[in-house]
PDB file of N, CA and C in Angstrom:
ATOM      1  N   ALA A   1      18.610 -20.624  19.983  1.00  0.00           N
ATOM      2  CA  ALA A   1      17.161 -19.955  19.856  1.00  0.00           C
ATOM      3  C   ALA A   1      17.223 -18.816  19.552  1.00  0.00           C
ATOM      4  N   VAL A   2      15.890 -18.764  19.328  1.00  0.00           N
ATOM      5  CA  VAL A   2      15.566 -17.158  18.272  1.00  0.00           C
ATOM      6  C   VAL A   2      14.637 -16.532  19.157  1.00  0.00           C
ATOM      7  N   ASP A   3      15.214 -14.999  19.262  1.00  0.00           N
ATOM      8  CA  ASP A   3      13.983 -14.458  19.825  1.00  0.00           C
ATOM      9  C   ASP A   3      13.297 -13.442  19.072  1.00  0.00           C
ATOM     10  N   ILE A   4      11.606 -13.215  19.187  1.00  0.00           N
ATOM     11  CA  ILE A   4      11.549 -12.197  18.353  1.00  0.00           C
ATOM     12  C   ILE A   4      10.297 -11.530  19.325  1.00  0.00           C
ATOM     13  N   PRO A   5      10.918 -10.380  19.125  1.00  0.00           N
ATOM     14  CA  PRO A   5      10.507  -9.177  19.956  1.00  0.00           C
ATOM     15  C   PRO A   5       9.223  -8.508  19.475  1.00  0.00           C
ATOM     16  N   CYS A   6       8.317  -8.455  20.537  1.00  0.00           N
ATOM     17  CA  CYS A   6       6.852  -7.881  20.763  1.00  0.00           C
ATOM     18  C   CYS A   6       7.089  -6.410  20.709  1.00  0.00           C
ATOM     19  N   SER A   7       7.305  -5.176  19.585  1.00  0.00           N
ATOM     20  CA  SER A   7       7.794  -4.170  20.178  1.00  0.00           C
ATOM     21  C   SER A   7       6.441  -3.267  20.273  1.00  0.00           C
ATOM     22  N   ALA A   8       5.452  -3.753  20.134  1.00  0.00           N
ATOM     23  CA  ALA A   8       3.937  -3.211  20.177  1.00  0.00           C
ATOM     24  C   ALA A   8       3.700  -3.000  21.632  1.00  0.00           C
ATOM     25  N   TYR A   9       4.348  -3.953  22.458  1.00  0.00           N
ATOM     26  CA  TYR A   9       3.984  -3.788  23.806  1.00  0.00           C
ATOM     27  C   TYR A   9       4.884  -2.616  24.359  1.00  0.00           C
ATOM     28  N   ARG A  10       3.956  -2.302  25.319  1.00  0.00           N
ATOM     29  CA  ARG A  10       4.777  -1.050  26.369  1.00  0.00           C
ATOM     30  C   ARG A  10       4.102  -1.194  27.623  1.00  0.00           C
ATOM     31  N   SER A  11       5.097  -1.000  28.619  1.00  0.00           N
ATOM     32  CA  SER A  11       5.304  -1.295  30.141  1.00  0.00           C
ATOM     33  C   SER A  11       4.173  -0.691  30.498  1.00  0.00           C
ATOM     34  N   THR A  12       4.037   0.868  29.740  1.00  0.00           N
ATOM     35  CA  THR A  12       2.796   1.650  30.352  1.00  0.00           C
ATOM     36  C   THR A  12       1.459   1.526  30.095  1.00  0.00           C
ATOM     37  N   MET A  13       1.075   0.206  29.438  1.00  0.00           N
ATOM     38  CA  MET A  13      -0.106  -0.127  29.382  1.00  0.00           C
ATOM     39  C   MET A  13      -0.922  -0.751  30.195  1.00  0.00           C
ATOM     40  N   THR A  14      -1.933  -0.588  30.334  1.00  0.00           N
ATOM     41  CA  THR A  14      -2.975  -1.167  31.689  1.00  0.00           C
ATOM     42  C   THR A  14      -3.373  -2.427  31.057  1.00  0.00           C
ATOM     43  N   ASN A  15      -3.427  -3.735  32.032  1.00  0.00           N
ATOM     44  CA  ASN A  15      -3.858  -4.598  31.608  1.00  0.00           C
ATOM     45  C   ASN A  15      -3.929  -5.379  30.104  1.00  0.00           C
ATOM     46  N   PRO A  16      -2.779  -5.258  29.649  1.00  0.00           N
ATOM     47  CA  PRO A  16      -2.882  -5.575  28.218  1.00  0.00           C
ATOM     48  C   PRO A  16      -3.083  -6.909  28.072  1.00  0.00           C
ATOM     49  N   ARG A  17      -3.583  -7.307  26.725  1.00  0.00           N
ATOM     50  CA  ARG A  17      -3.893  -8.744  26.207  1.00  0.00           C
ATOM     51  C   ARG A  17      -2.966  -8.891  24.946  1.00  0.00           C
ATOM     52  N   ILE A  18      -2.079  -9.827  25.036  1.00  0.00           N
ATOM     53  CA  ILE A  18      -1.093 -10.094  24.022  1.00  0.00           C
ATOM     54  C   ILE A  18      -1.674 -11.245  23.129  1.00  0.00           C
ATOM     55  N   GLU A  19      -1.712 -11.288  21.867  1.00  0.00           N
ATOM     56  CA  GLU A  19      -1.573 -12.391  20.952  1.00  0.00           C
ATOM     57  C   GLU A  19      -0.791 -12.456  19.924  1.00  0.00           C
ATOM     58  N   TRP A  20      -0.100 -13.623  19.293  1.00  0.00           N
ATOM     59  CA  TRP A  20       0.943 -13.779  18.814  1.00  0.00           C
ATOM     60  C   TRP A  20       0.193 -14.731  17.566  1.00  0.00           C
ATOM     61  N   LYS A  21       0.212 -14.197  16.205  1.00  0.00           N
ATOM     62  CA  LYS A  21       0.098 -14.766  15.057  1.00  0.00           C
ATOM     63  C   LYS A  21       1.229 -14.946  14.103  1.00  0.00           C
ATOM     64  N   PHE A  22       1.125 -16.167  13.497  1.00  0.00           N
ATOM     65  CA  PHE A  22       2.145 -16.682  12.495  1.00  0.00           C
ATOM     66  C   PHE A  22       1.532 -16.751  11.037  1.00  0.00           C
ATOM     67  N   GLN A  23       2.000 -15.905  10.304  1.00  0.00           N
ATOM     68  CA  GLN A  23       1.663 -15.942   8.858  1.00  0.00           C
ATOM     69  C   GLN A  23       2.463 -16.304   7.918  1.00  0.00           C
ATOM     70  N   LYS A  24       2.037 -17.527   7.032  1.00  0.00           N
ATOM     71  CA  LYS A  24       2.786 -17.895   6.108  1.00  0.00           C
ATOM     72  C   LYS A  24       2.134 -18.080   4.651  1.00  0.00           C
ATOM     73  N   GLY A  25       2.569 -17.494   3.696  1.00  0.00           N
ATOM     74  CA  GLY A  25       1.409 -17.335   2.573  1.00  0.00           C
ATOM     75  C   GLY A  25       0.250 -16.588   2.885  1.00  0.00           C
ATOM     76  N   SER A  26      -0.812 -17.793   2.679  1.00  0.00           N
ATOM     77  CA  SER A  26      -2.258 -17.048   2.761  1.00  0.00           C
ATOM     78  C   SER A  26      -2.790 -17.594   4.152  1.00  0.00           C
ATOM     79  N   SER A  27      -1.802 -18.604   4.690  1.00  0.00           N
ATOM     80  CA  SER A  27      -2.075 -19.379   6.244  1.00  0.00           C
ATOM     81  C   SER A  27      -2.024 -18.470   7.192  1.00  0.00           C
ATOM     82  N   LEU A  28      -2.801 -18.463   8.420  1.00  0.00           N
ATOM     83  CA  LEU A  28      -2.866 -17.540   9.415  1.00  0.00           C
ATOM     84  C   LEU A  28      -2.881 -18.319  10.542  1.00  0.00           C
ATOM     85  N   VAL A  29      -1.904 -18.616  11.523  1.00  0.00           N
ATOM     86  CA  VAL A  29      -2.182 -19.425  12.743  1.00  0.00           C
ATOM     87  C   VAL A  29      -1.890 -18.524  13.953  1.00  0.00           C
ATOM     88  N   LEU A  30      -3.199 -18.626  14.929  1.00  0.00           N
ATOM     89  CA  LEU A  30      -3.038 -17.874  15.648  1.00  0.00           C
ATOM     90  C   LEU A  30      -2.375 -18.897  17.081  1.00  0.00           C
ATOM     91  N   PHE A  31      -1.257 -18.147  17.530  1.00  0.00           N
ATOM     92  CA  PHE A  31      -0.560 -19.385  18.420  1.00  0.00           C
ATOM     93  C   PHE A  31      -0.285 -18.875  20.044  1.00  0.00           C
ATOM     94  N   TYR A  32      -0.585 -17.792  20.030  1.00  0.00           N
ATOM     95  CA  TYR A  32      -0.837 -17.404  21.633  1.00  0.00           C
ATOM     96  C   TYR A  32      -1.802 -16.389  22.056  1.00  0.00           C
ATOM     97  N   TYR A  33      -2.958 -16.993  22.530  1.00  0.00           N
ATOM     98  CA  TYR A  33      -4.112 -16.231  22.700  1.00  0.00           C
ATOM     99  C   TYR A  33      -4.976 -16.573  24.085  1.00  0.00           C
ATOM    100  N   GLY A  34      -5.514 -15.621  24.690  1.00  0.00           N
ATOM    101  CA  GLY A  34      -5.929 -16.051  25.907  1.00  0.00           C
ATOM    102  C   GLY A  34      -4.920 -16.700  27.150  1.00  0.00           C
ATOM    103  N   GLY A  35      -3.770 -16.066  26.991  1.00  0.00           N
ATOM    104  CA  GLY A  35      -2.923 -16.216  27.858  1.00  0.00           C
ATOM    105  C   GLY A  35      -2.320 -17.850  27.790  1.00  0.00           C
ATOM    106  N   GLU A  36      -2.476 -18.603  26.387  1.00  0.00           N
ATOM    107  CA  GLU A  36      -2.220 -19.516  26.200  1.00  0.00           C
ATOM    108  C   GLU A  36      -1.331 -19.612  24.956  1.00  0.00           C
ATOM    109  N   LEU A  37      -0.593 -20.751  25.131  1.00  0.00           N
ATOM    110  CA  LEU A  37       0.227 -21.120  23.776  1.00  0.00           C
ATOM    111  C   LEU A  37      -0.597 -22.531  23.210  1.00  0.00           C
ATOM    112  N   THR A  38      -0.603 -22.381  21.721  1.00  0.00           N
ATOM    113  CA  THR A  38      -1.502 -23.301  21.094  1.00  0.00           C
ATOM    114  C   THR A  38      -0.478 -24.469  20.993  1.00  0.00           C
ATOM    115  N   GLU A  39      -1.443 -25.555  20.658  1.00  0.00           N
ATOM    116  CA  GLU A  39      -0.266 -26.683  19.766  1.00  0.00           C
ATOM    117  C   GLU A  39      -0.288 -26.039  18.488  1.00  0.00           C
ATOM    118  N   PRO A  40       1.001 -26.326  17.719  1.00  0.00           N
ATOM    119  CA  PRO A  40       2.280 -27.346  18.366  1.00  0.00           C
ATOM    120  C   PRO A  40       3.398 -26.640  19.167  1.00  0.00           C
ATOM    121  N   TYR A  41       3.061 -25.272  19.385  1.00  0.00           N
ATOM    122  CA  TYR A  41       3.986 -24.154  19.836  1.00  0.00           C
ATOM    123  C   TYR A  41       4.241 -24.486  21.177  1.00  0.00           C
ATOM    124  N   ARG A  42       3.295 -25.055  21.969  1.00  0.00           N
ATOM    125  CA  ARG A  42       3.244 -24.970  23.646  1.00  0.00           C
ATOM    126  C   ARG A  42       4.636 -25.538  24.100  1.00  0.00           C
ATOM    127  N   ASN A  43       5.210 -26.616  23.425  1.00  0.00           N
ATOM    128  CA  ASN A  43       6.200 -27.272  23.793  1.00  0.00           C
ATOM    129  C   ASN A  43       7.870 -26.618  23.136  1.00  0.00           C
ATOM    130  N   ARG A  44       7.780 -25.672  22.101  1.00  0.00           N
ATOM    131  CA  ARG A  44       8.855 -25.261  21.853  1.00  0.00           C
ATOM    132  C   ARG A  44       8.961 -23.748  22.210  1.00  0.00           C
ATOM    133  N   VAL A  45       7.911 -23.008  22.392  1.00  0.00           N
ATOM    134  CA  VAL A  45       8.012 -21.378  22.700  1.00  0.00           C
ATOM    135  C   VAL A  45       7.790 -21.222  23.812  1.00  0.00           C
ATOM    136  N   GLN A  46       8.709 -20.009  24.224  1.00  0.00           N
ATOM    137  CA  GLN A  46       8.694 -19.509  25.751  1.00  0.00           C
ATOM    138  C   GLN A  46       7.932 -18.362  25.400  1.00  0.00           C
ATOM    139  N   PHE A  47       6.962 -17.831  26.399  1.00  0.00           N
ATOM    140  CA  PHE A  47       6.560 -16.675  26.088  1.00  0.00           C
ATOM    141  C   PHE A  47       6.636 -15.573  27.125  1.00  0.00           C
ATOM    142  N   SER A  48       7.047 -14.531  26.712  1.00  0.00           N
ATOM    143  CA  SER A  48       7.033 -13.238  27.542  1.00  0.00           C
ATOM    144  C   SER A  48       6.316 -12.070  27.149  1.00  0.00           C
ATOM    145  N   ARG A  49       5.995 -11.118  28.120  1.00  0.00           N
ATOM    146  CA  ARG A  49       5.381 -10.082  27.155  1.00  0.00           C
ATOM    147  C   ARG A  49       6.180  -9.141  26.102  1.00  0.00           C
ATOM    148  N   THR A  50       7.534  -9.364  26.319  1.00  0.00           N
ATOM    149  CA  THR A  50       8.133  -8.406  25.349  1.00  0.00           C
ATOM    150  C   THR A  50       8.790  -9.344  24.053  1.00  0.00           C
ATOM    151  N   SER A  51       8.243 -10.231  24.321  1.00  0.00           N
ATOM    152  CA  SER A  51       9.170 -11.293  23.097  1.00  0.00           C
ATOM    153  C   SER A  51       8.574 -12.795  23.136  1.00  0.00           C
ATOM    154  N   ILE A  52       8.833 -13.684  21.966  1.00  0.00           N
ATOM    155  CA  ILE A  52       8.641 -14.783  22.168  1.00  0.00           C
ATOM    156  C   ILE A  52      10.036 -15.594  21.995  1.00  0.00           C
ATOM    157  N   ARG A  53      10.311 -16.672  22.159  1.00  0.00           N
ATOM    158  CA  ARG A  53      11.546 -17.464  21.985  1.00  0.00           C
ATOM    159  C   ARG A  53      11.457 -18.693  21.525  1.00  0.00           C
ATOM    160  N   PHE A  54      11.826 -19.058  20.419  1.00  0.00           N
ATOM    161  CA  PHE A  54      11.958 -20.676  19.981  1.00  0.00           C
ATOM    162  C   PHE A  54      13.023 -21.018  20.606  1.00  0.00           C
ATOM    163  N   ASP A  55      13.255 -22.295  20.958  1.00  0.00           N
ATOM    164  CA  ASP A  55      14.394 -22.954  21.434  1.00  0.00           C
ATOM    165  C   ASP A  55      15.100 -23.401  20.251  1.00  0.00           C
ATOM    166  N   ALA A  56      14.253 -23.812  19.227  1.00  0.00           N
ATOM    167  CA  ALA A  56      14.990 -24.396  18.132  1.00  0.00           C
ATOM    168  C   ALA A  56      14.189 -23.757  16.810  1.00  0.00           C
ATOM    169  N   VAL A  57      14.265 -23.894  15.462  1.00  0.00           N
ATOM    170  CA  VAL A  57      13.772 -23.146  14.426  1.00  0.00           C
ATOM    171  C   VAL A  57      14.168 -24.088  13.157  1.00  0.00           C
ATOM    172  N   THR A  58      13.042 -24.325  12.390  1.00  0.00           N
ATOM    173  CA  THR A  58      13.385 -25.091  11.288  1.00  0.00           C
ATOM    174  C   THR A  58      13.036 -24.118   9.877  1.00  0.00           C
ATOM    175  N   ARG A  59      12.960 -24.552   8.794  1.00  0.00           N
ATOM    176  CA  ARG A  59      12.433 -23.807   7.948  1.00  0.00           C
ATOM    177  C   ARG A  59      11.283 -23.405   7.522  1.00  0.00           C
ATOM    178  N   GLU A  60      10.063 -24.567   8.410  1.00  0.00           N
ATOM    179  CA  GLU A  60       9.024 -24.225   8.386  1.00  0.00           C
ATOM    180  C   GLU A  60       8.610 -23.174   8.907  1.00  0.00           C
ATOM    181  N   ASP A  61       9.454 -22.815  10.093  1.00  0.00           N
ATOM    182  CA  ASP A  61       9.022 -21.484  11.275  1.00  0.00           C
ATOM    183  C   ASP A  61       9.449 -20.267  10.010  1.00  0.00           C
ATOM    184  N   SER A  62       9.949 -20.142   8.915  1.00  0.00           N
ATOM    185  CA  SER A  62       9.853 -19.079   8.148  1.00  0.00           C
ATOM    186  C   SER A  62       8.662 -18.510   7.928  1.00  0.00           C
ATOM    187  N   GLY A  63       8.660 -16.988   8.140  1.00  0.00           N
ATOM    188  CA  GLY A  63       7.175 -16.505   8.191  1.00  0.00           C
ATOM    189  C   GLY A  63       7.193 -15.009   8.763  1.00  0.00           C
ATOM    190  N   LYS A  64       6.005 -14.503   8.559  1.00  0.00           N
ATOM    191  CA  LYS A  64       5.639 -13.578   9.543  1.00  0.00           C
ATOM    192  C   LYS A  64       5.080 -13.776  10.969  1.00  0.00           C
ATOM    193  N   TYR A  65       5.885 -13.380  11.997  1.00  0.00           N
ATOM    194  CA  TYR A  65       4.969 -13.074  13.017  1.00  0.00           C
ATOM    195  C   TYR A  65       4.605 -11.669  13.539  1.00  0.00           C
ATOM    196  N   ILE A  66       3.411 -11.770  14.019  1.00  0.00           N
ATOM    197  CA  ILE A  66       2.584 -10.529  14.087  1.00  0.00           C
ATOM    198  C   ILE A  66       2.219 -10.463  15.603  1.00  0.00           C
ATOM    199  N   CYS A  67       2.400  -9.519  16.480  1.00  0.00           N
ATOM    200  CA  CYS A  67       2.364  -9.497  17.608  1.00  0.00           C
ATOM    201  C   CYS A  67       1.233  -8.474  18.000  1.00  0.00           C
ATOM    202  N   GLU A  68       0.279  -8.693  18.429  1.00  0.00           N
ATOM    203  CA  GLU A  68      -0.917  -7.637  18.989  1.00  0.00           C
ATOM    204  C   GLU A  68      -1.279  -7.390  20.247  1.00  0.00           C
ATOM    205  N   VAL A  69      -1.209  -6.321  20.868  1.00  0.00           N
ATOM    206  CA  VAL A  69      -1.314  -5.810  21.937  1.00  0.00           C
ATOM    207  C   VAL A  69      -2.405  -5.087  22.282  1.00  0.00           C
ATOM    208  N   VAL A  70      -3.569  -5.408  23.215  1.00  0.00           N
ATOM    209  CA  VAL A  70      -4.898  -4.645  22.965  1.00  0.00           C
ATOM    210  C   VAL A  70      -4.943  -4.550  24.737  1.00  0.00           C
ATOM    211  N   GLU A  71      -5.284  -3.256  24.787  1.00  0.00           N
ATOM    212  CA  GLU A  71      -5.231  -2.505  26.038  1.00  0.00           C
ATOM    213  C   GLU A  71      -6.490  -3.006  26.881  1.00  0.00           C
ATOM    214  N   GLY A  72      -6.691  -3.166  28.259  1.00  0.00           N
ATOM    215  CA  GLY A  72      -7.676  -3.833  28.692  1.00  0.00           C
ATOM    216  C   GLY A  72      -9.227  -3.500  28.423  1.00  0.00           C
ATOM    217  N   ASP A  73      -9.275  -2.184  28.080  1.00  0.00           N
ATOM    218  CA  ASP A  73     -10.806  -1.793  27.766  1.00  0.00           C
ATOM    219  C   ASP A  73     -10.532  -2.176  26.257  1.00  0.00           C
ATOM    220  N   GLY A  74      -9.934  -2.558  25.322  1.00  0.00           N
ATOM    221  CA  GLY A  74     -10.078  -2.793  24.170  1.00  0.00           C
ATOM    222  C   GLY A  74      -9.983  -1.199  23.296  1.00  0.00           C
ATOM    223  N   SER A  75      -9.687  -0.121  23.855  1.00  0.00           N
ATOM    224  CA  SER A  75      -9.664   1.018  23.190  1.00  0.00           C
ATOM    225  C   SER A  75      -8.238   1.606  22.571  1.00  0.00           C
ATOM    226  N   HIS A  76      -7.496   0.525  22.658  1.00  0.00           N
ATOM    227  CA  HIS A  76      -6.448   0.783  21.876  1.00  0.00           C
ATOM    228  C   HIS A  76      -5.897  -0.689  21.492  1.00  0.00           C
ATOM    229  N   ILE A  77      -5.234  -0.627  19.922  1.00  0.00           N
ATOM    230  CA  ILE A  77      -4.582  -1.934  19.418  1.00  0.00           C
ATOM    231  C   ILE A  77      -3.387  -1.728  19.148  1.00  0.00           C
ATOM    232  N   ALA A  78      -2.430  -2.349  19.396  1.00  0.00           N
ATOM    233  CA  ALA A  78      -0.957  -1.941  18.989  1.00  0.00           C
ATOM    234  C   ALA A  78      -0.454  -3.146  18.025  1.00  0.00           C
ATOM    235  N   LYS A  79       0.251  -3.404  17.419  1.00  0.00           N
ATOM    236  CA  LYS A  79       0.430  -4.458  16.351  1.00  0.00           C
ATOM    237  C   LYS A  79       1.991  -4.144  15.650  1.00  0.00           C
ATOM    238  N   SER A  80       2.755  -5.467  15.702  1.00  0.00           N
ATOM    239  CA  SER A  80       4.451  -5.243  15.513  1.00  0.00           C
ATOM    240  C   SER A  80       4.851  -6.358  14.619  1.00  0.00           C
ATOM    241  N   GLU A  81       5.146  -6.584  13.504  1.00  0.00           N
ATOM    242  CA  GLU A  81       5.715  -7.860  12.621  1.00  0.00           C
ATOM    243  C   GLU A  81       7.394  -7.956  12.656  1.00  0.00           C
ATOM    244  N   VAL A  82       7.311  -8.982  12.369  1.00  0.00           N
ATOM    245  CA  VAL A  82       8.880  -9.349  12.311  1.00  0.00           C
ATOM    246  C   VAL A  82       8.897 -10.269  11.459  1.00  0.00           C
ATOM    247  N   THR A  83       9.226 -10.358  10.574  1.00  0.00           N
ATOM    248  CA  THR A  83       9.789 -11.450   9.432  1.00  0.00           C
ATOM    249  C   THR A  83      10.798 -12.295   9.665  1.00  0.00           C
ATOM    250  N   LEU A  84      10.588 -13.660   9.839  1.00  0.00           N
ATOM    251  CA  LEU A  84      11.826 -14.351  10.061  1.00  0.00           C
ATOM    252  C   LEU A  84      12.104 -15.590   8.919  1.00  0.00           C
ATOM    253  N   THR A  85      13.380 -15.381   8.334  1.00  0.00           N
ATOM    254  CA  THR A  85      13.586 -16.256   7.722  1.00  0.00           C
ATOM    255  C   THR A  85      14.785 -17.106   7.977  1.00  0.00           C
ATOM    256  N   VAL A  86      14.568 -18.479   7.797  1.00  0.00           N
ATOM    257  CA  VAL A  86      15.325 -19.530   8.361  1.00  0.00           C
ATOM    258  C   VAL A  86      15.995 -20.419   7.347  1.00  0.00           C
ATOM    259  N   GLN A  87      17.419 -20.107   7.467  1.00  0.00           N
ATOM    260  CA  GLN A  87      18.363 -20.823   6.065  1.00  0.00           C
ATOM    261  C   GLN A  87      18.857 -22.145   6.622  1.00  0.00           C
ATOM    262  N   GLY A  88      19.289 -22.788   5.907  1.00  0.00           N
ATOM    263  CA  GLY A  88      19.779 -24.306   6.167  1.00  0.00           C
ATOM    264  C   GLY A  88      18.794 -25.186   5.855  1.00  0.00           C
ATOM    265  N   GLU A  89      18.945 -26.160   6.857  1.00  0.00           N
ATOM    266  CA  GLU A  89      18.418 -27.354   6.441  1.00  0.00           C
ATOM    267  C   GLU A  89      16.701 -27.536   5.726  1.00  0.00           C
TER     268      GLU A  89
END
């Protein structure tokens, strides 16, 4: 399994909304939004406030994972990025 942390999240935030995006080249995929994982991630990613966990990854999953956290009133947006490089197959 692979864990990707959302370092933008702080436990002191009030009612935060968390979004996850995956960027590969020029394409950007929103895969956690409105409290839901989107297809095809729903079956292979576990979400928690502090991270996401892939049960298994392939080279297709290599790219940049962007976590955005919006405070409940929208006044503050925090963002963190992790670049994942999958070797092998």
